[in-house]
Amino acid sequence: MNRIGLITLLCLLLAVPAVVRAHDEGSGSNLGAIGLKSGIDLTTQYNFRGINVEDQGSIIQPWLEINAVLYSGDALAPMVEGVKMKFGFWNTIQEDSPKTQAHGSYFEADYSLGLILDLCHELTGEVSFVYLEDPDVVGNYSEEVDLKLALDDSAQWEGVLDLPGFKGLQPHVLVVIETNGSTDAAGNGGDIYYEFGINPSVLAWDNPDYPVTLSVPMKLALGDNYYEYINAGGNLRDDSFGYFSVGLVLSAPLSFVPADHGQWQIHAGVDFLFLGNGAEALTSNGSLDSTEIVGSAGISMEY
């Protein structure tokens, strides 16, 4: 079995929730302090924050997240209602191509460790340290601190917009501070990435067993020295506009999987990206395209 097949098999095994029995037998749900999320995505392009890294051959992206409840109660109310520790492991595995052949097929592995805070007014905050590396050849790409704030605004739309399955805009803000290395053509820490997004969704097919949800995620990305590039004249330029993206994603639960084995879901969709000069210039093959279309499909589980 080759490297791609082996790593994919291992991630599939990790996704089997039977390895985590932190619940009462027969309960049908995880009632313990340990949670597990995992999945595998197939995509037509590995696009990292608007930058086209690879768009040739097969691209497989398995991932895993484990979280543990550290605190839940009233002692810190009303500001903090719960605290979880999170460990994440994300990978991209792809065929060698003229763009990335110097890196090997196991192109990137990202490790993250952080805290998830359940805040008041349906807010969720996350603070994470992320280490990005090339396991095959290059080694460390960069290190960063991620700060995220998300709002569950579903209750605010009740009785306002009568759409089946609509749960609000689900806005979020993400700030990434590079502490070592860099994504762009210059710098070694200190670059900052800003992301503002929403993810509204509606029920596209009201089936009692396999309801299909249509989501329309949108993102606006900006940067402070994050999208620096060298122009045709050999000068270093910085473009504060990273990209804007809008997607169409269909998802459905795999209801035939018993509840004791987690909540499984499949999804497929397409993203349309409109790039700034920096993201366009930083593409790995030097081909300047101001727009990108990325298709993806995958399976995920939560337990």
C-alpha atoms as a PDB file:
ATOM      1  CA  MET A   1       0.000   0.000   0.000  1.00  0.00           C
ATOM      2  CA  ASN A   2       1.410   3.412  -0.947  1.00  0.00           C
ATOM      3  CA  ARG A   3       1.733   6.402   1.375  1.00  0.00           C
ATOM      4  CA  ILE A   4      -1.548   8.016   0.297  1.00  0.00           C
ATOM      5  CA  GLY A   5      -3.502   4.813   0.793  1.00  0.00           C
ATOM      6  CA  LEU A   6      -1.926   4.134   4.175  1.00  0.00           C
ATOM      7  CA  ILE A   7      -2.576   7.598   5.597  1.00  0.00           C
ATOM      8  CA  THR A   8      -6.131   7.602   4.262  1.00  0.00           C
ATOM      9  CA  LEU A   9      -6.776   4.207   5.872  1.00  0.00           C
ATOM     10  CA  LEU A  10      -5.395   5.396   9.206  1.00  0.00           C
ATOM     11  CA  CYS A  11      -7.625   8.479   9.170  1.00  0.00           C
ATOM     12  CA  LEU A  12     -10.638   6.339   8.354  1.00  0.00           C
ATOM     13  CA  LEU A  13      -9.831   4.142  11.342  1.00  0.00           C
ATOM     14  CA  LEU A  14      -9.502   7.232  13.511  1.00  0.00           C
ATOM     15  CA  ALA A  15     -12.949   8.303  12.380  1.00  0.00           C
ATOM     16  CA  VAL A  16     -14.592   5.175  13.767  1.00  0.00           C
ATOM     17  CA  PRO A  17     -16.259   6.386  16.962  1.00  0.00           C
ATOM     18  CA  ALA A  18     -16.187   2.959  18.540  1.00  0.00           C
ATOM     19  CA  VAL A  19     -12.721   3.842  19.835  1.00  0.00           C
ATOM     20  CA  VAL A  20     -14.278   6.468  22.084  1.00  0.00           C
ATOM     21  CA  ARG A  21     -16.792   5.026  24.541  1.00  0.00           C
ATOM     22  CA  ALA A  22     -17.310   8.090  26.708  1.00  0.00           C
ATOM     23  CA  HIS A  23     -21.060   7.541  26.954  1.00  0.00           C
ATOM     24  CA  ASP A  24     -23.598   5.330  28.668  1.00  0.00           C
ATOM     25  CA  GLU A  25     -24.251   2.149  26.726  1.00  0.00           C
ATOM     26  CA  GLY A  26     -27.536   2.328  24.843  1.00  0.00           C
ATOM     27  CA  SER A  27     -27.867   6.086  25.264  1.00  0.00           C
ATOM     28  CA  GLY A  28     -27.513   6.767  21.539  1.00  0.00           C
ATOM     29  CA  SER A  29     -25.342   9.828  22.117  1.00  0.00           C
ATOM     30  CA  ASN A  30     -22.081  10.866  23.695  1.00  0.00           C
ATOM     31  CA  LEU A  31     -22.760  11.962  27.271  1.00  0.00           C
ATOM     32  CA  GLY A  32     -19.153  12.099  28.383  1.00  0.00           C
ATOM     33  CA  ALA A  33     -16.490  14.784  28.529  1.00  0.00           C
ATOM     34  CA  ILE A  34     -14.585  13.667  25.416  1.00  0.00           C
ATOM     35  CA  GLY A  35     -15.813  14.516  21.910  1.00  0.00           C
ATOM     36  CA  LEU A  36     -14.550  13.451  18.499  1.00  0.00           C
ATOM     37  CA  LYS A  37     -14.932  14.925  15.033  1.00  0.00           C
ATOM     38  CA  SER A  38     -13.299  13.537  11.912  1.00  0.00           C
ATOM     39  CA  GLY A  39     -13.661  13.446   8.159  1.00  0.00           C
ATOM     40  CA  ILE A  40     -12.102  13.168   4.725  1.00  0.00           C
ATOM     41  CA  ASP A  41     -12.526  15.687   1.911  1.00  0.00           C
ATOM     42  CA  LEU A  42     -11.715  15.372  -1.784  1.00  0.00           C
ATOM     43  CA  THR A  43     -11.130  18.643  -3.615  1.00  0.00           C
ATOM     44  CA  THR A  44     -10.198  19.889  -7.062  1.00  0.00           C
ATOM     45  CA  GLN A  45      -7.791  22.454  -5.593  1.00  0.00           C
ATOM     46  CA  TYR A  46      -5.896  22.980  -2.370  1.00  0.00           C
ATOM     47  CA  ASN A  47      -6.597  26.656  -1.899  1.00  0.00           C
ATOM     48  CA  PHE A  48      -5.093  28.144   1.263  1.00  0.00           C
ATOM     49  CA  ARG A  49      -6.765  31.430   2.185  1.00  0.00           C
ATOM     50  CA  GLY A  50      -7.152  32.412  -1.450  1.00  0.00           C
ATOM     51  CA  ILE A  51      -3.764  31.115  -2.627  1.00  0.00           C
ATOM     52  CA  ASN A  52      -3.827  28.299  -5.195  1.00  0.00           C
ATOM     53  CA  VAL A  53      -1.342  25.768  -3.795  1.00  0.00           C
ATOM     54  CA  GLU A  54      -2.237  22.757  -5.966  1.00  0.00           C
ATOM     55  CA  ASP A  55      -4.873  22.008  -8.597  1.00  0.00           C
ATOM     56  CA  GLN A  56      -3.475  18.930 -10.357  1.00  0.00           C
ATOM     57  CA  GLY A  57      -4.250  15.272  -9.699  1.00  0.00           C
ATOM     58  CA  SER A  58      -6.081  13.835  -6.714  1.00  0.00           C
ATOM     59  CA  ILE A  59      -6.114  15.875  -3.511  1.00  0.00           C
ATOM     60  CA  ILE A  60      -7.213  14.150  -0.293  1.00  0.00           C
ATOM     61  CA  GLN A  61      -7.610  16.075   2.962  1.00  0.00           C
ATOM     62  CA  PRO A  62      -8.296  13.956   6.079  1.00  0.00           C
ATOM     63  CA  TRP A  63      -8.758  15.663   9.434  1.00  0.00           C
ATOM     64  CA  LEU A  64      -9.414  14.904  13.078  1.00  0.00           C
ATOM     65  CA  GLU A  65     -10.473  16.952  16.098  1.00  0.00           C
ATOM     66  CA  ILE A  66     -10.660  15.819  19.723  1.00  0.00           C
ATOM     67  CA  ASN A  67     -12.120  18.042  22.425  1.00  0.00           C
ATOM     68  CA  ALA A  68     -12.384  17.613  26.183  1.00  0.00           C
ATOM     69  CA  VAL A  69     -14.636  19.517  28.580  1.00  0.00           C
ATOM     70  CA  LEU A  70     -12.562  21.366  31.180  1.00  0.00           C
ATOM     71  CA  TYR A  71     -15.307  23.414  32.808  1.00  0.00           C
ATOM     72  CA  SER A  72     -19.094  23.597  32.748  1.00  0.00           C
ATOM     73  CA  GLY A  73     -21.142  25.390  35.364  1.00  0.00           C
ATOM     74  CA  ASP A  74     -22.175  28.683  36.914  1.00  0.00           C
ATOM     75  CA  ALA A  75     -18.968  29.743  38.656  1.00  0.00           C
ATOM     76  CA  LEU A  76     -17.904  32.006  35.762  1.00  0.00           C
ATOM     77  CA  ALA A  77     -21.422  32.974  34.660  1.00  0.00           C
ATOM     78  CA  PRO A  78     -22.670  34.981  32.922  1.00  0.00           C
ATOM     79  CA  MET A  79     -19.534  35.627  30.840  1.00  0.00           C
ATOM     80  CA  VAL A  80     -18.249  32.039  30.464  1.00  0.00           C
ATOM     81  CA  GLU A  81     -20.560  29.033  30.489  1.00  0.00           C
ATOM     82  CA  GLY A  82     -18.106  26.335  29.436  1.00  0.00           C
ATOM     83  CA  VAL A  83     -14.494  25.671  28.458  1.00  0.00           C
ATOM     84  CA  LYS A  84     -13.130  22.895  26.245  1.00  0.00           C
ATOM     85  CA  MET A  85      -9.615  21.959  25.203  1.00  0.00           C
ATOM     86  CA  LYS A  86      -9.236  21.181  21.494  1.00  0.00           C
ATOM     87  CA  PHE A  87      -6.616  19.206  19.560  1.00  0.00           C
ATOM     88  CA  GLY A  88      -6.791  19.288  15.769  1.00  0.00           C
ATOM     89  CA  PHE A  89      -4.904  17.383  13.064  1.00  0.00           C
ATOM     90  CA  TRP A  90      -5.452  18.390   9.392  1.00  0.00           C
ATOM     91  CA  ASN A  91      -3.653  16.998   6.333  1.00  0.00           C
ATOM     92  CA  THR A  92      -3.447  17.421   2.586  1.00  0.00           C
ATOM     93  CA  ILE A  93      -2.139  14.512   0.518  1.00  0.00           C
ATOM     94  CA  GLN A  94      -1.759  14.890  -3.232  1.00  0.00           C
ATOM     95  CA  GLU A  95      -0.094  13.492  -6.296  1.00  0.00           C
ATOM     96  CA  ASP A  96       3.262  14.938  -7.308  1.00  0.00           C
ATOM     97  CA  SER A  97       2.969  17.646  -9.951  1.00  0.00           C
ATOM     98  CA  PRO A  98       5.245  20.314 -11.467  1.00  0.00           C
ATOM     99  CA  LYS A  99       3.924  22.668  -8.773  1.00  0.00           C
ATOM    100  CA  THR A 100       4.683  20.620  -5.677  1.00  0.00           C
ATOM    101  CA  GLN A 101       6.944  17.755  -6.750  1.00  0.00           C
ATOM    102  CA  ALA A 102       9.755  18.982  -4.498  1.00  0.00           C
ATOM    103  CA  HIS A 103       7.521  18.441  -1.479  1.00  0.00           C
ATOM    104  CA  GLY A 104       6.419  14.839  -1.872  1.00  0.00           C
ATOM    105  CA  SER A 105       2.858  13.524  -1.829  1.00  0.00           C
ATOM    106  CA  TYR A 106       2.274  14.177   1.897  1.00  0.00           C
ATOM    107  CA  PHE A 107       2.278  17.923   1.332  1.00  0.00           C
ATOM    108  CA  GLU A 108       1.095  19.374   4.622  1.00  0.00           C
ATOM    109  CA  ALA A 109       0.191  18.433   8.187  1.00  0.00           C
ATOM    110  CA  ASP A 110      -1.264  21.052  10.537  1.00  0.00           C
ATOM    111  CA  TYR A 111      -1.402  20.530  14.301  1.00  0.00           C
ATOM    112  CA  SER A 112      -3.518  22.789  16.498  1.00  0.00           C
ATOM    113  CA  LEU A 113      -4.027  23.050  20.246  1.00  0.00           C
ATOM    114  CA  GLY A 114      -6.441  25.492  21.801  1.00  0.00           C
ATOM    115  CA  LEU A 115      -9.393  26.387  23.972  1.00  0.00           C
ATOM    116  CA  ILE A 116     -13.074  26.724  23.034  1.00  0.00           C
ATOM    117  CA  LEU A 117     -15.055  29.138  25.221  1.00  0.00           C
ATOM    118  CA  ASP A 118     -18.852  29.072  25.429  1.00  0.00           C
ATOM    119  CA  LEU A 119     -19.580  32.738  26.085  1.00  0.00           C
ATOM    120  CA  CYS A 120     -22.765  34.642  26.858  1.00  0.00           C
ATOM    121  CA  HIS A 121     -25.307  35.730  24.235  1.00  0.00           C
ATOM    122  CA  GLU A 122     -24.715  32.625  22.046  1.00  0.00           C
ATOM    123  CA  LEU A 123     -21.105  33.593  21.372  1.00  0.00           C
ATOM    124  CA  THR A 124     -18.295  31.057  21.014  1.00  0.00           C
ATOM    125  CA  GLY A 125     -14.644  32.034  21.221  1.00  0.00           C
ATOM    126  CA  GLU A 126     -11.598  30.019  20.210  1.00  0.00           C
ATOM    127  CA  VAL A 127      -7.907  30.559  20.871  1.00  0.00           C
ATOM    128  CA  SER A 128      -5.507  28.145  19.140  1.00  0.00           C
ATOM    129  CA  PHE A 129      -1.836  27.687  18.376  1.00  0.00           C
ATOM    130  CA  VAL A 130      -1.276  26.096  14.948  1.00  0.00           C
ATOM    131  CA  TYR A 131       1.915  24.457  13.657  1.00  0.00           C
ATOM    132  CA  LEU A 132       2.052  23.936   9.863  1.00  0.00           C
ATOM    133  CA  GLU A 133       4.651  21.645   8.326  1.00  0.00           C
ATOM    134  CA  ASP A 134       5.635  19.566   5.296  1.00  0.00           C
ATOM    135  CA  PRO A 135       6.173  16.048   6.717  1.00  0.00           C
ATOM    136  CA  ASP A 136       7.991  14.740   3.622  1.00  0.00           C
ATOM    137  CA  VAL A 137      10.701  17.266   2.781  1.00  0.00           C
ATOM    138  CA  VAL A 138      10.507  20.924   3.763  1.00  0.00           C
ATOM    139  CA  GLY A 139       9.628  20.682   7.437  1.00  0.00           C
ATOM    140  CA  ASN A 140       8.119  23.693   9.219  1.00  0.00           C
ATOM    141  CA  TYR A 141       6.126  26.105   7.035  1.00  0.00           C
ATOM    142  CA  SER A 142       4.934  28.504   9.697  1.00  0.00           C
ATOM    143  CA  GLU A 143       3.393  28.888  13.143  1.00  0.00           C
ATOM    144  CA  GLU A 144       0.405  31.023  14.052  1.00  0.00           C
ATOM    145  CA  VAL A 145      -2.072  31.993  16.753  1.00  0.00           C
ATOM    146  CA  ASP A 146      -5.730  31.891  15.689  1.00  0.00           C
ATOM    147  CA  LEU A 147      -8.414  33.958  17.421  1.00  0.00           C
ATOM    148  CA  LYS A 148     -12.022  33.261  16.411  1.00  0.00           C
ATOM    149  CA  LEU A 149     -15.385  34.589  17.535  1.00  0.00           C
ATOM    150  CA  ALA A 150     -18.636  33.045  16.229  1.00  0.00           C
ATOM    151  CA  LEU A 151     -22.281  33.927  16.875  1.00  0.00           C
ATOM    152  CA  ASP A 152     -25.263  31.569  16.771  1.00  0.00           C
ATOM    153  CA  ASP A 153     -27.936  34.077  15.730  1.00  0.00           C
ATOM    154  CA  SER A 154     -30.653  31.523  14.933  1.00  0.00           C
ATOM    155  CA  ALA A 155     -32.929  32.675  17.785  1.00  0.00           C
ATOM    156  CA  GLN A 156     -32.857  36.272  16.533  1.00  0.00           C
ATOM    157  CA  TRP A 157     -34.482  35.245  13.245  1.00  0.00           C
ATOM    158  CA  GLU A 158     -37.392  33.293  14.685  1.00  0.00           C
ATOM    159  CA  GLY A 159     -40.614  34.748  13.295  1.00  0.00           C
ATOM    160  CA  VAL A 160     -38.673  37.202  11.106  1.00  0.00           C
ATOM    161  CA  LEU A 161     -37.763  35.096   8.073  1.00  0.00           C
ATOM    162  CA  ASP A 162     -39.958  32.071   7.470  1.00  0.00           C
ATOM    163  CA  LEU A 163     -37.646  29.771   5.508  1.00  0.00           C
ATOM    164  CA  PRO A 164     -37.530  26.014   6.241  1.00  0.00           C
ATOM    165  CA  GLY A 165     -34.335  25.128   8.046  1.00  0.00           C
ATOM    166  CA  PHE A 166     -33.046  28.718   8.202  1.00  0.00           C
ATOM    167  CA  LYS A 167     -30.878  29.216  11.297  1.00  0.00           C
ATOM    168  CA  GLY A 168     -29.616  32.724  10.834  1.00  0.00           C
ATOM    169  CA  LEU A 169     -26.489  34.079   9.203  1.00  0.00           C
ATOM    170  CA  GLN A 170     -24.071  32.346  11.611  1.00  0.00           C
ATOM    171  CA  PRO A 171     -21.402  35.089  11.370  1.00  0.00           C
ATOM    172  CA  HIS A 172     -17.799  34.688  12.478  1.00  0.00           C
ATOM    173  CA  VAL A 173     -14.605  36.707  12.689  1.00  0.00           C
ATOM    174  CA  LEU A 174     -11.148  35.109  12.497  1.00  0.00           C
ATOM    175  CA  VAL A 175      -7.814  36.808  13.199  1.00  0.00           C
ATOM    176  CA  VAL A 176      -4.604  34.878  12.456  1.00  0.00           C
ATOM    177  CA  ILE A 177      -1.267  36.171  13.737  1.00  0.00           C
ATOM    178  CA  GLU A 178       1.809  34.480  12.258  1.00  0.00           C
ATOM    179  CA  THR A 179       4.417  34.005  14.973  1.00  0.00           C
ATOM    180  CA  ASN A 180       7.061  32.241  12.862  1.00  0.00           C
ATOM    181  CA  GLY A 181       7.479  31.763   9.121  1.00  0.00           C
ATOM    182  CA  SER A 182       5.094  33.252   6.567  1.00  0.00           C
ATOM    183  CA  THR A 183       2.514  32.346   3.968  1.00  0.00           C
ATOM    184  CA  ASP A 184       3.512  35.044   1.494  1.00  0.00           C
ATOM    185  CA  ALA A 185       6.736  35.926  -0.314  1.00  0.00           C
ATOM    186  CA  ALA A 186       8.359  37.814   2.562  1.00  0.00           C
ATOM    187  CA  GLY A 187       8.473  38.150   6.311  1.00  0.00           C
ATOM    188  CA  ASN A 188       9.062  35.856   9.249  1.00  0.00           C
ATOM    189  CA  GLY A 189       6.286  36.341  11.737  1.00  0.00           C
ATOM    190  CA  GLY A 190       4.090  39.316  12.494  1.00  0.00           C
ATOM    191  CA  ASP A 191       1.848  39.074   9.414  1.00  0.00           C
ATOM    192  CA  ILE A 192      -1.887  39.185  10.204  1.00  0.00           C
ATOM    193  CA  TYR A 193      -4.861  37.635   8.393  1.00  0.00           C
ATOM    194  CA  TYR A 194      -8.440  38.851   8.941  1.00  0.00           C
ATOM    195  CA  GLU A 195     -11.523  36.872   7.905  1.00  0.00           C
ATOM    196  CA  PHE A 196     -15.184  37.899   8.128  1.00  0.00           C
ATOM    197  CA  GLY A 197     -17.750  35.268   7.193  1.00  0.00           C
ATOM    198  CA  ILE A 198     -21.360  34.148   7.277  1.00  0.00           C
ATOM    199  CA  ASN A 199     -22.896  30.742   6.586  1.00  0.00           C
ATOM    200  CA  PRO A 200     -26.680  30.904   6.068  1.00  0.00           C
ATOM    201  CA  SER A 201     -28.492  27.686   5.209  1.00  0.00           C
ATOM    202  CA  VAL A 202     -31.965  26.479   4.273  1.00  0.00           C
ATOM    203  CA  LEU A 203     -33.648  23.120   3.942  1.00  0.00           C
ATOM    204  CA  ALA A 204     -33.444  22.193   0.254  1.00  0.00           C
ATOM    205  CA  TRP A 205     -35.262  18.845   0.505  1.00  0.00           C
ATOM    206  CA  ASP A 206     -37.540  18.039   3.410  1.00  0.00           C
ATOM    207  CA  ASN A 207     -37.100  14.275   3.697  1.00  0.00           C
ATOM    208  CA  PRO A 208     -37.855  12.740   7.131  1.00  0.00           C
ATOM    209  CA  ASP A 209     -34.829  10.429   7.014  1.00  0.00           C
ATOM    210  CA  TYR A 210     -32.379  12.213   4.705  1.00  0.00           C
ATOM    211  CA  PRO A 211     -33.073  15.960   4.700  1.00  0.00           C
ATOM    212  CA  VAL A 212     -30.797  17.918   2.363  1.00  0.00           C
ATOM    213  CA  THR A 213     -29.471  21.302   3.515  1.00  0.00           C
ATOM    214  CA  LEU A 214     -28.212  24.027   1.179  1.00  0.00           C
ATOM    215  CA  SER A 215     -25.568  26.317   2.704  1.00  0.00           C
ATOM    216  CA  VAL A 216     -24.179  29.500   1.153  1.00  0.00           C
ATOM    217  CA  PRO A 217     -20.905  30.288   2.965  1.00  0.00           C
ATOM    218  CA  MET A 218     -19.340  33.683   2.231  1.00  0.00           C
ATOM    219  CA  LYS A 219     -15.948  35.028   3.303  1.00  0.00           C
ATOM    220  CA  LEU A 220     -14.099  38.317   3.023  1.00  0.00           C
ATOM    221  CA  ALA A 221     -10.365  38.069   3.732  1.00  0.00           C
ATOM    222  CA  LEU A 222      -7.985  40.945   4.393  1.00  0.00           C
ATOM    223  CA  GLY A 223      -4.339  41.016   5.376  1.00  0.00           C
ATOM    224  CA  ASP A 224      -1.754  43.165   7.107  1.00  0.00           C
ATOM    225  CA  ASN A 225       1.485  42.191   5.292  1.00  0.00           C
ATOM    226  CA  TYR A 226      -0.116  38.752   4.827  1.00  0.00           C
ATOM    227  CA  TYR A 227      -0.386  38.937   1.027  1.00  0.00           C
ATOM    228  CA  GLU A 228       3.001  40.454   0.199  1.00  0.00           C
ATOM    229  CA  TYR A 229       4.295  39.606  -3.272  1.00  0.00           C
ATOM    230  CA  ILE A 230       7.015  40.604  -5.725  1.00  0.00           C
ATOM    231  CA  ASN A 231       5.616  42.427  -8.759  1.00  0.00           C
ATOM    232  CA  ALA A 232       6.852  42.353 -12.351  1.00  0.00           C
ATOM    233  CA  GLY A 233       9.332  45.128 -11.572  1.00  0.00           C
ATOM    234  CA  GLY A 234      10.936  43.103  -8.785  1.00  0.00           C
ATOM    235  CA  ASN A 235       9.474  45.250  -6.016  1.00  0.00           C
ATOM    236  CA  LEU A 236       7.844  43.916  -2.869  1.00  0.00           C
ATOM    237  CA  ARG A 237       4.178  44.903  -2.720  1.00  0.00           C
ATOM    238  CA  ASP A 238       1.500  44.383  -0.094  1.00  0.00           C
ATOM    239  CA  ASP A 239      -2.176  43.965  -1.005  1.00  0.00           C
ATOM    240  CA  SER A 240      -4.536  44.323   1.953  1.00  0.00           C
ATOM    241  CA  PHE A 241      -7.430  42.667   0.055  1.00  0.00           C
ATOM    242  CA  GLY A 242      -6.979  38.900   0.077  1.00  0.00           C
ATOM    243  CA  TYR A 243     -10.109  37.454  -1.497  1.00  0.00           C
ATOM    244  CA  PHE A 244     -13.878  37.208  -1.415  1.00  0.00           C
ATOM    245  CA  SER A 245     -15.571  33.829  -1.757  1.00  0.00           C
ATOM    246  CA  VAL A 246     -19.106  32.517  -2.040  1.00  0.00           C
ATOM    247  CA  GLY A 247     -20.027  28.842  -1.996  1.00  0.00           C
ATOM    248  CA  LEU A 248     -22.928  26.476  -2.570  1.00  0.00           C
ATOM    249  CA  VAL A 249     -22.843  23.349  -0.396  1.00  0.00           C
ATOM    250  CA  LEU A 250     -25.345  20.500  -0.195  1.00  0.00           C
ATOM    251  CA  SER A 251     -25.205  18.246   2.880  1.00  0.00           C
ATOM    252  CA  ALA A 252     -27.260  15.348   4.226  1.00  0.00           C
ATOM    253  CA  PRO A 253     -27.059  13.083   7.275  1.00  0.00           C
ATOM    254  CA  LEU A 254     -26.320   9.374   6.940  1.00  0.00           C
ATOM    255  CA  SER A 255     -29.314   8.408   9.044  1.00  0.00           C
ATOM    256  CA  PHE A 256     -28.803   4.679   8.540  1.00  0.00           C
ATOM    257  CA  VAL A 257     -25.734   4.819  10.811  1.00  0.00           C
ATOM    258  CA  PRO A 258     -26.793   3.963  14.396  1.00  0.00           C
ATOM    259  CA  ALA A 259     -26.671   6.887  16.822  1.00  0.00           C
ATOM    260  CA  ASP A 260     -24.212   4.971  19.010  1.00  0.00           C
ATOM    261  CA  HIS A 261     -21.684   5.350  16.184  1.00  0.00           C
ATOM    262  CA  GLY A 262     -21.924   9.126  15.969  1.00  0.00           C
ATOM    263  CA  GLN A 263     -23.602  11.582  13.643  1.00  0.00           C
ATOM    264  CA  TRP A 264     -22.384  11.031  10.074  1.00  0.00           C
ATOM    265  CA  GLN A 265     -22.855  13.424   7.177  1.00  0.00           C
ATOM    266  CA  ILE A 266     -21.920  13.733   3.502  1.00  0.00           C
ATOM    267  CA  HIS A 267     -21.481  16.978   1.603  1.00  0.00           C
ATOM    268  CA  ALA A 268     -20.580  18.317  -1.821  1.00  0.00           C
ATOM    269  CA  GLY A 269     -20.233  21.821  -3.141  1.00  0.00           C
ATOM    270  CA  VAL A 270     -18.406  24.477  -5.100  1.00  0.00           C
ATOM    271  CA  ASP A 271     -16.663  27.708  -4.063  1.00  0.00           C
ATOM    272  CA  PHE A 272     -16.161  30.771  -6.251  1.00  0.00           C
ATOM    273  CA  LEU A 273     -13.172  32.908  -5.220  1.00  0.00           C
ATOM    274  CA  PHE A 274     -12.382  36.444  -6.353  1.00  0.00           C
ATOM    275  CA  LEU A 275      -8.748  37.206  -5.595  1.00  0.00           C
ATOM    276  CA  GLY A 276      -6.732  40.277  -4.751  1.00  0.00           C
ATOM    277  CA  ASN A 277      -3.396  40.958  -6.419  1.00  0.00           C
ATOM    278  CA  GLY A 278      -1.429  39.318  -3.615  1.00  0.00           C
ATOM    279  CA  ALA A 279      -3.350  36.040  -3.545  1.00  0.00           C
ATOM    280  CA  GLU A 280      -3.267  35.967  -7.340  1.00  0.00           C
ATOM    281  CA  ALA A 281       0.514  36.504  -7.516  1.00  0.00           C
ATOM    282  CA  LEU A 282       1.305  33.941  -4.792  1.00  0.00           C
ATOM    283  CA  THR A 283      -0.168  30.990  -6.715  1.00  0.00           C
ATOM    284  CA  SER A 284       2.342  28.133  -6.779  1.00  0.00           C
ATOM    285  CA  ASN A 285       2.534  27.816 -10.572  1.00  0.00           C
ATOM    286  CA  GLY A 286       2.832  31.529 -11.347  1.00  0.00           C
ATOM    287  CA  SER A 287      -0.362  31.489 -13.430  1.00  0.00           C
ATOM    288  CA  LEU A 288      -2.233  34.702 -12.690  1.00  0.00           C
ATOM    289  CA  ASP A 289      -5.959  34.056 -12.352  1.00  0.00           C
ATOM    290  CA  SER A 290      -8.146  36.608 -10.599  1.00  0.00           C
ATOM    291  CA  THR A 291     -10.887  34.007 -10.031  1.00  0.00           C
ATOM    292  CA  GLU A 292     -10.829  30.394  -8.917  1.00  0.00           C
ATOM    293  CA  ILE A 293     -13.546  27.718  -8.882  1.00  0.00           C
ATOM    294  CA  VAL A 294     -13.018  24.922  -6.362  1.00  0.00           C
ATOM    295  CA  GLY A 295     -15.178  21.800  -6.113  1.00  0.00           C
ATOM    296  CA  SER A 296     -15.190  19.500  -3.106  1.00  0.00           C
ATOM    297  CA  ALA A 297     -16.978  16.524  -1.574  1.00  0.00           C
ATOM    298  CA  GLY A 298     -16.507  14.590   1.628  1.00  0.00           C
ATOM    299  CA  ILE A 299     -17.782  12.657   4.593  1.00  0.00           C
ATOM    300  CA  SER A 300     -17.596  13.614   8.264  1.00  0.00           C
ATOM    301  CA  MET A 301     -18.701  12.371  11.669  1.00  0.00           C
ATOM    302  CA  GLU A 302     -19.215  13.862  15.117  1.00  0.00           C
ATOM    303  CA  TYR A 303     -19.391  11.891  18.337  1.00  0.00           C
END
